[in-house]
Amino acid sequence: TFPMKLWLLVNSPCVHSVRWDARGEGLFIDQGLFEQELLGVGPGGAAEEELFKTKNFGSIVRQLNLYGFHKLTVSPAGSAAGPRPRSAAEGDDTSYPDGPLHHFWNPHFRYDRPDLLVKIKRLTKANKEKLDAGLEVTSRLPDDYQ
C-alpha cells in the first residue's frame, strides 16, 4: 500500500529525498530530489519510477492527501528539518538544495509506531461523503484497538 511504501522509503538509509521531521511525527519531502531519486525525472534520474507508477510529483501529493496526510507550513529558518530520528549520527546536513521542501503529517504515521500504519485508510468518495456529513468513517479501527 502507499503508506507502507512511504514508511519503507523514509526509513531507508538509501533514500535521501524523504526524511522524518525532528520529532519523528511528520515527513519532509524534497520535491526536486524526490523527482530525480524516486520518479526517474531529469538527468541521471533513477529507473525506480515503477515504485509509484508516475513521474508526476503532483500525483504523489494527491496520494498523500487521499490517505489523510496534511501539508504543514515549512519554517523558513530551515531548523524544522531536524536530524532524522533513525540516524542522528549520520553526519549529513539537513539542507535541501534541490527544490521545494514539503512537510506532511498524519496522526497514524510516526517514527516509533509502525503498528499505526494499518489505521491509514484511503479516503474513498464514500468515506469523504461520510466525513463531510460529520459521520464516523467505519473503515478505521476503533480507538480501543490501539
N, C-alpha and C. Protein backbone atom coordinates (compact mmCIF):
# COMPACT_ATOMS: atom_id res chain seq x y z
N THR A 1 0.84 -1.19 0.00
CA THR A 1 0.00 0.00 0.00
C THR A 1 0.88 1.25 0.00
N PHE A 2 0.29 2.36 -0.36
CA PHE A 2 1.02 3.62 -0.41
C PHE A 2 1.66 4.00 0.94
N PRO A 3 0.90 3.92 2.06
CA PRO A 3 1.54 4.27 3.35
C PRO A 3 2.72 3.38 3.68
N MET A 4 2.63 2.08 3.35
CA MET A 4 3.74 1.17 3.63
C MET A 4 4.96 1.51 2.78
N LYS A 5 4.74 1.85 1.50
CA LYS A 5 5.86 2.26 0.64
C LYS A 5 6.56 3.48 1.23
N LEU A 6 5.74 4.44 1.68
CA LEU A 6 6.28 5.67 2.26
C LEU A 6 7.09 5.37 3.51
N TRP A 7 6.57 4.47 4.34
CA TRP A 7 7.25 4.07 5.58
C TRP A 7 8.61 3.45 5.25
N LEU A 8 8.65 2.57 4.26
CA LEU A 8 9.91 1.93 3.88
C LEU A 8 10.90 2.95 3.33
N LEU A 9 10.39 3.91 2.54
CA LEU A 9 11.27 4.93 1.96
C LEU A 9 11.87 5.83 3.03
N VAL A 10 11.04 6.32 3.94
CA VAL A 10 11.52 7.27 4.94
C VAL A 10 12.49 6.60 5.91
N ASN A 11 12.40 5.28 6.05
CA ASN A 11 13.30 4.56 6.94
C ASN A 11 14.49 3.93 6.22
N SER A 12 14.57 4.13 4.90
CA SER A 12 15.68 3.54 4.14
C SER A 12 16.90 4.46 4.18
N PRO A 13 18.06 3.91 4.52
CA PRO A 13 19.28 4.73 4.51
C PRO A 13 19.70 5.13 3.09
N CYS A 14 19.12 4.48 2.08
CA CYS A 14 19.49 4.77 0.70
C CYS A 14 18.67 5.90 0.09
N VAL A 15 17.58 6.27 0.73
CA VAL A 15 16.69 7.30 0.19
C VAL A 15 16.96 8.62 0.90
N HIS A 16 17.27 9.66 0.12
CA HIS A 16 17.64 10.95 0.72
C HIS A 16 16.58 12.02 0.54
N SER A 17 15.57 11.76 -0.29
CA SER A 17 14.58 12.80 -0.60
C SER A 17 13.41 12.81 0.38
N VAL A 18 13.29 11.78 1.22
CA VAL A 18 12.20 11.69 2.19
C VAL A 18 12.82 11.50 3.56
N ARG A 19 12.50 12.39 4.50
CA ARG A 19 13.08 12.31 5.84
C ARG A 19 12.02 12.56 6.91
N TRP A 20 12.26 12.00 8.08
CA TRP A 20 11.40 12.30 9.24
C TRP A 20 11.67 13.73 9.68
N ASP A 21 10.67 14.37 10.29
CA ASP A 21 10.94 15.66 10.90
C ASP A 21 11.63 15.39 12.25
N ALA A 22 12.00 16.46 12.94
CA ALA A 22 12.81 16.32 14.15
C ALA A 22 12.13 15.47 15.22
N ARG A 23 10.80 15.49 15.27
CA ARG A 23 10.08 14.73 16.30
C ARG A 23 9.66 13.34 15.83
N GLY A 24 9.91 13.03 14.57
CA GLY A 24 9.51 11.71 14.05
C GLY A 24 8.01 11.58 13.92
N GLU A 25 7.32 12.71 13.76
CA GLU A 25 5.86 12.69 13.66
C GLU A 25 5.37 13.21 12.31
N GLY A 26 6.28 13.52 11.42
CA GLY A 26 5.90 14.01 10.11
C GLY A 26 7.05 13.76 9.16
N LEU A 27 6.82 14.02 7.87
CA LEU A 27 7.93 13.81 6.95
C LEU A 27 8.16 15.00 6.05
N PHE A 28 9.42 15.16 5.72
CA PHE A 28 9.84 16.18 4.77
C PHE A 28 10.12 15.49 3.45
N ILE A 29 9.61 16.08 2.38
CA ILE A 29 9.90 15.57 1.04
C ILE A 29 10.53 16.69 0.25
N ASP A 30 11.74 16.45 -0.22
CA ASP A 30 12.43 17.40 -1.09
C ASP A 30 11.97 17.09 -2.51
N GLN A 31 11.12 17.97 -3.06
CA GLN A 31 10.47 17.67 -4.34
C GLN A 31 11.47 17.40 -5.46
N GLY A 32 12.48 18.26 -5.63
CA GLY A 32 13.44 18.07 -6.72
C GLY A 32 14.19 16.76 -6.60
N LEU A 33 14.67 16.48 -5.41
CA LEU A 33 15.43 15.25 -5.18
C LEU A 33 14.52 14.02 -5.31
N PHE A 34 13.28 14.13 -4.81
CA PHE A 34 12.32 13.03 -4.89
C PHE A 34 12.04 12.69 -6.35
N GLU A 35 11.84 13.74 -7.17
CA GLU A 35 11.56 13.51 -8.59
C GLU A 35 12.72 12.78 -9.26
N GLN A 36 13.94 13.16 -8.92
CA GLN A 36 15.12 12.51 -9.50
C GLN A 36 15.29 11.09 -8.95
N GLU A 37 15.25 11.01 -7.63
CA GLU A 37 15.59 9.77 -6.94
C GLU A 37 14.53 8.68 -7.09
N LEU A 38 13.25 9.05 -7.01
CA LEU A 38 12.20 8.04 -6.95
C LEU A 38 11.23 8.05 -8.13
N LEU A 39 11.18 9.17 -8.86
CA LEU A 39 10.27 9.21 -10.01
C LEU A 39 11.01 9.12 -11.35
N GLY A 40 12.35 9.13 -11.29
CA GLY A 40 13.13 8.99 -12.51
C GLY A 40 13.04 10.19 -13.43
N VAL A 41 12.85 11.40 -12.86
CA VAL A 41 12.72 12.61 -13.66
C VAL A 41 14.09 13.31 -13.76
N GLY A 42 14.38 13.82 -14.94
CA GLY A 42 15.59 14.63 -15.11
C GLY A 42 16.82 13.81 -15.42
N PRO A 43 17.94 14.50 -15.61
CA PRO A 43 19.19 13.81 -15.96
C PRO A 43 19.65 12.93 -14.80
N GLY A 44 20.05 11.74 -15.13
CA GLY A 44 20.54 10.81 -14.11
C GLY A 44 19.45 10.32 -13.19
N GLY A 45 18.21 10.49 -13.60
CA GLY A 45 17.09 10.04 -12.78
C GLY A 45 17.12 8.53 -12.62
N ALA A 46 16.75 8.07 -11.46
CA ALA A 46 16.75 6.63 -11.18
C ALA A 46 15.69 5.94 -12.02
N ALA A 47 15.85 4.65 -12.22
CA ALA A 47 14.88 3.89 -13.00
C ALA A 47 13.85 3.25 -12.08
N GLU A 48 13.55 3.93 -10.97
CA GLU A 48 12.63 3.35 -10.00
C GLU A 48 11.24 3.95 -10.10
N GLU A 49 10.92 4.58 -11.23
CA GLU A 49 9.60 5.21 -11.34
C GLU A 49 8.47 4.19 -11.21
N GLU A 50 8.80 2.91 -11.40
CA GLU A 50 7.79 1.86 -11.25
C GLU A 50 7.27 1.79 -9.82
N LEU A 51 8.04 2.27 -8.88
CA LEU A 51 7.65 2.24 -7.48
C LEU A 51 6.30 2.94 -7.28
N PHE A 52 6.12 4.07 -7.96
CA PHE A 52 4.87 4.82 -7.82
C PHE A 52 4.05 4.87 -9.10
N LYS A 53 4.57 4.28 -10.19
CA LYS A 53 3.86 4.26 -11.48
C LYS A 53 3.48 5.66 -11.97
N THR A 54 4.29 6.64 -11.63
CA THR A 54 4.07 8.01 -12.11
C THR A 54 5.39 8.76 -12.10
N LYS A 55 5.49 9.79 -12.93
CA LYS A 55 6.65 10.68 -12.90
C LYS A 55 6.21 12.06 -12.43
N ASN A 56 4.95 12.17 -12.03
CA ASN A 56 4.38 13.46 -11.68
C ASN A 56 4.32 13.62 -10.15
N PHE A 57 5.04 14.59 -9.62
CA PHE A 57 5.07 14.80 -8.17
C PHE A 57 3.67 15.16 -7.64
N GLY A 58 2.88 15.86 -8.46
CA GLY A 58 1.52 16.21 -8.07
C GLY A 58 0.69 14.98 -7.76
N SER A 59 0.95 13.89 -8.48
CA SER A 59 0.23 12.64 -8.22
C SER A 59 0.58 12.07 -6.85
N ILE A 60 1.84 12.25 -6.45
CA ILE A 60 2.28 11.79 -5.13
C ILE A 60 1.57 12.59 -4.04
N VAL A 61 1.49 13.92 -4.23
CA VAL A 61 0.80 14.78 -3.26
C VAL A 61 -0.68 14.39 -3.17
N ARG A 62 -1.28 14.07 -4.34
CA ARG A 62 -2.68 13.63 -4.33
C ARG A 62 -2.85 12.35 -3.52
N GLN A 63 -1.91 11.42 -3.68
CA GLN A 63 -1.96 10.17 -2.91
C GLN A 63 -1.85 10.46 -1.41
N LEU A 64 -0.92 11.34 -1.05
CA LEU A 64 -0.76 11.72 0.35
C LEU A 64 -2.09 12.26 0.90
N ASN A 65 -2.72 13.14 0.14
CA ASN A 65 -3.99 13.71 0.57
C ASN A 65 -5.08 12.65 0.69
N LEU A 66 -5.11 11.72 -0.28
CA LEU A 66 -6.11 10.64 -0.25
C LEU A 66 -5.98 9.76 0.98
N TYR A 67 -4.75 9.65 1.49
CA TYR A 67 -4.51 8.82 2.67
C TYR A 67 -4.50 9.63 3.96
N GLY A 68 -5.01 10.86 3.89
CA GLY A 68 -5.19 11.64 5.12
C GLY A 68 -3.98 12.40 5.61
N PHE A 69 -2.96 12.57 4.75
CA PHE A 69 -1.81 13.38 5.14
C PHE A 69 -2.16 14.85 4.94
N HIS A 70 -1.70 15.69 5.86
CA HIS A 70 -1.95 17.13 5.78
C HIS A 70 -0.63 17.84 5.55
N LYS A 71 -0.65 18.84 4.69
CA LYS A 71 0.57 19.60 4.42
C LYS A 71 0.72 20.67 5.49
N LEU A 72 1.91 20.76 6.05
CA LEU A 72 2.22 21.76 7.06
C LEU A 72 3.11 22.82 6.44
N THR A 73 3.14 24.00 7.06
CA THR A 73 4.00 25.07 6.57
C THR A 73 5.43 24.78 7.00
N VAL A 74 6.37 24.91 6.06
CA VAL A 74 7.77 24.69 6.39
C VAL A 74 8.36 25.99 6.92
N SER A 75 9.01 25.90 8.05
CA SER A 75 9.62 27.08 8.65
C SER A 75 10.76 27.59 7.76
N PRO A 76 10.78 28.89 7.45
CA PRO A 76 11.83 29.41 6.57
C PRO A 76 13.20 29.36 7.22
N ALA A 77 13.25 29.20 8.53
CA ALA A 77 14.55 29.16 9.22
C ALA A 77 15.34 27.91 8.86
N GLY A 78 14.65 26.90 8.36
CA GLY A 78 15.36 25.67 8.00
C GLY A 78 15.58 24.76 9.18
N SER A 79 15.32 25.26 10.39
CA SER A 79 15.57 24.43 11.57
C SER A 79 14.52 23.33 11.71
N ALA A 80 13.43 23.45 10.95
CA ALA A 80 12.36 22.46 11.05
C ALA A 80 12.85 21.09 10.58
N ALA A 81 13.76 21.06 9.63
CA ALA A 81 14.27 19.78 9.12
C ALA A 81 15.38 19.30 10.04
N GLY A 82 14.99 18.79 11.17
CA GLY A 82 15.97 18.34 12.16
C GLY A 82 16.59 17.02 11.74
N PRO A 83 17.49 16.51 12.57
CA PRO A 83 18.10 15.23 12.24
C PRO A 83 17.03 14.14 12.24
N ARG A 84 17.21 13.17 11.37
CA ARG A 84 16.26 12.06 11.33
C ARG A 84 16.41 11.26 12.62
N PRO A 85 15.33 10.86 13.23
CA PRO A 85 15.44 10.10 14.47
C PRO A 85 16.28 8.84 14.31
N ARG A 86 16.24 8.22 13.13
CA ARG A 86 16.95 6.95 12.97
C ARG A 86 18.44 7.13 12.79
N SER A 87 18.90 8.35 12.46
CA SER A 87 20.30 8.47 12.07
C SER A 87 20.91 9.81 12.44
N ALA A 88 20.78 10.20 13.67
CA ALA A 88 21.31 11.50 14.09
C ALA A 88 22.82 11.56 13.89
N ALA A 89 23.48 10.40 13.92
CA ALA A 89 24.94 10.39 13.83
C ALA A 89 25.44 10.26 12.39
N GLU A 90 24.53 10.29 11.42
CA GLU A 90 24.94 10.08 10.03
C GLU A 90 25.90 11.17 9.54
N GLY A 91 25.72 12.38 10.06
CA GLY A 91 26.64 13.44 9.69
C GLY A 91 26.29 14.18 8.43
N ASP A 92 25.24 13.76 7.70
CA ASP A 92 24.91 14.54 6.51
C ASP A 92 24.08 15.74 6.94
N ASP A 93 24.15 16.83 6.18
CA ASP A 93 23.44 18.03 6.61
C ASP A 93 21.96 17.90 6.35
N THR A 94 21.19 18.81 6.92
CA THR A 94 19.73 18.70 6.80
C THR A 94 19.20 19.73 5.81
N SER A 95 20.08 20.26 4.96
CA SER A 95 19.59 21.23 3.98
C SER A 95 19.08 20.48 2.75
N TYR A 96 18.17 21.13 2.04
CA TYR A 96 17.60 20.54 0.84
C TYR A 96 17.81 21.52 -0.31
N PRO A 97 18.92 21.38 -1.04
CA PRO A 97 19.22 22.36 -2.08
C PRO A 97 18.45 22.17 -3.38
N ASP A 98 17.80 21.03 -3.57
CA ASP A 98 17.30 20.68 -4.90
C ASP A 98 15.94 21.25 -5.28
N GLY A 99 15.12 21.63 -4.33
CA GLY A 99 13.81 22.11 -4.73
C GLY A 99 12.94 22.38 -3.55
N PRO A 100 11.67 22.64 -3.82
CA PRO A 100 10.74 22.95 -2.73
C PRO A 100 10.72 21.82 -1.70
N LEU A 101 10.61 22.21 -0.44
CA LEU A 101 10.56 21.26 0.65
C LEU A 101 9.12 21.20 1.15
N HIS A 102 8.56 20.00 1.22
CA HIS A 102 7.17 19.83 1.66
C HIS A 102 7.15 19.06 2.97
N HIS A 103 6.31 19.49 3.90
CA HIS A 103 6.19 18.84 5.21
C HIS A 103 4.78 18.27 5.33
N PHE A 104 4.67 16.96 5.51
CA PHE A 104 3.37 16.30 5.61
C PHE A 104 3.24 15.61 6.96
N TRP A 105 1.99 15.55 7.43
CA TRP A 105 1.72 14.95 8.73
C TRP A 105 0.45 14.10 8.68
N ASN A 106 0.49 12.97 9.34
CA ASN A 106 -0.69 12.12 9.50
C ASN A 106 -0.60 11.57 10.92
N PRO A 107 -1.70 11.60 11.69
CA PRO A 107 -1.63 11.16 13.09
C PRO A 107 -1.21 9.71 13.25
N HIS A 108 -1.35 8.90 12.18
CA HIS A 108 -1.01 7.49 12.27
C HIS A 108 0.31 7.14 11.58
N PHE A 109 1.08 8.15 11.20
CA PHE A 109 2.37 7.92 10.53
C PHE A 109 3.45 8.49 11.45
N ARG A 110 4.04 7.60 12.28
CA ARG A 110 5.02 8.05 13.26
C ARG A 110 6.22 7.13 13.27
N TYR A 111 7.37 7.73 13.53
CA TYR A 111 8.64 7.01 13.50
C TYR A 111 8.64 5.78 14.40
N ASP A 112 8.09 5.93 15.60
CA ASP A 112 8.17 4.86 16.59
C ASP A 112 6.93 3.96 16.64
N ARG A 113 6.00 4.14 15.68
CA ARG A 113 4.75 3.37 15.73
C ARG A 113 4.36 2.76 14.39
N PRO A 114 5.14 1.80 13.89
CA PRO A 114 4.76 1.16 12.63
C PRO A 114 3.42 0.43 12.73
N ASP A 115 3.01 0.09 13.94
CA ASP A 115 1.73 -0.60 14.15
C ASP A 115 0.53 0.27 13.77
N LEU A 116 0.72 1.60 13.72
CA LEU A 116 -0.38 2.51 13.40
C LEU A 116 -0.67 2.57 11.89
N LEU A 117 0.25 2.05 11.07
CA LEU A 117 0.07 2.13 9.62
C LEU A 117 -1.26 1.51 9.17
N VAL A 118 -1.72 0.48 9.87
CA VAL A 118 -2.97 -0.17 9.47
C VAL A 118 -4.16 0.77 9.60
N LYS A 119 -4.00 1.83 10.36
CA LYS A 119 -5.11 2.79 10.55
C LYS A 119 -5.20 3.81 9.42
N ILE A 120 -4.20 3.85 8.54
CA ILE A 120 -4.24 4.80 7.44
C ILE A 120 -5.03 4.19 6.30
N LYS A 121 -6.20 4.76 6.06
CA LYS A 121 -7.09 4.24 5.02
C LYS A 121 -7.21 5.26 3.89
N ARG A 122 -7.38 4.74 2.69
CA ARG A 122 -7.59 5.59 1.52
C ARG A 122 -8.93 6.29 1.64
N LEU A 123 -8.94 7.58 1.41
CA LEU A 123 -10.18 8.35 1.53
C LEU A 123 -10.99 8.20 0.25
N THR A 124 -11.89 7.23 0.25
CA THR A 124 -12.72 6.99 -0.93
C THR A 124 -13.83 8.03 -0.98
N LYS A 125 -14.55 8.06 -2.08
CA LYS A 125 -15.65 9.01 -2.24
C LYS A 125 -16.69 8.80 -1.13
N ALA A 126 -16.99 7.53 -0.86
CA ALA A 126 -17.98 7.21 0.19
C ALA A 126 -17.49 7.69 1.56
N ASN A 127 -16.19 7.45 1.86
CA ASN A 127 -15.63 7.89 3.14
C ASN A 127 -15.65 9.41 3.24
N LYS A 128 -15.33 10.10 2.14
CA LYS A 128 -15.31 11.55 2.15
C LYS A 128 -16.71 12.10 2.40
N GLU A 129 -17.70 11.49 1.78
CA GLU A 129 -19.09 11.94 1.99
C GLU A 129 -19.50 11.76 3.45
N LYS A 130 -19.06 10.66 4.06
CA LYS A 130 -19.37 10.44 5.48
C LYS A 130 -18.72 11.51 6.34
N LEU A 131 -17.44 11.80 6.07
CA LEU A 131 -16.73 12.80 6.86
C LEU A 131 -17.37 14.18 6.69
N ASP A 132 -17.71 14.52 5.44
CA ASP A 132 -18.33 15.81 5.17
C ASP A 132 -19.68 15.94 5.90
N ALA A 133 -20.36 14.81 6.09
CA ALA A 133 -21.66 14.82 6.76
C ALA A 133 -21.50 14.74 8.28
N GLY A 134 -20.24 14.71 8.74
CA GLY A 134 -19.99 14.65 10.19
C GLY A 134 -20.11 13.25 10.76
N LEU A 135 -20.13 12.24 9.89
CA LEU A 135 -20.24 10.86 10.36
C LEU A 135 -18.86 10.24 10.52
N GLU A 136 -18.81 9.18 11.29
CA GLU A 136 -17.54 8.48 11.50
C GLU A 136 -17.27 7.56 10.32
N VAL A 137 -15.99 7.50 9.91
CA VAL A 137 -15.62 6.58 8.84
C VAL A 137 -15.34 5.23 9.48
N THR A 138 -16.19 4.25 9.18
CA THR A 138 -16.11 2.97 9.87
C THR A 138 -14.97 2.08 9.40
N SER A 139 -14.28 2.46 8.33
CA SER A 139 -13.18 1.61 7.87
C SER A 139 -11.94 1.77 8.76
N ARG A 140 -11.92 2.80 9.57
CA ARG A 140 -10.81 2.97 10.50
C ARG A 140 -11.04 2.08 11.74
N LEU A 141 -9.96 1.58 12.31
CA LEU A 141 -10.10 0.76 13.51
C LEU A 141 -10.56 1.62 14.67
N PRO A 142 -11.41 1.10 15.54
CA PRO A 142 -11.81 1.86 16.73
C PRO A 142 -10.60 2.16 17.60
N ASP A 143 -10.66 3.24 18.35
CA ASP A 143 -9.53 3.69 19.15
C ASP A 143 -9.09 2.64 20.19
N ASP A 144 -10.03 1.81 20.65
CA ASP A 144 -9.64 0.85 21.70
C ASP A 144 -8.79 -0.30 21.15
N TYR A 145 -8.52 -0.31 19.84
CA TYR A 145 -7.62 -1.34 19.28
C TYR A 145 -6.18 -0.86 19.19
N GLN A 146 -5.91 0.31 19.67
CA GLN A 146 -4.54 0.85 19.55
C GLN A 146 -3.56 0.06 20.40
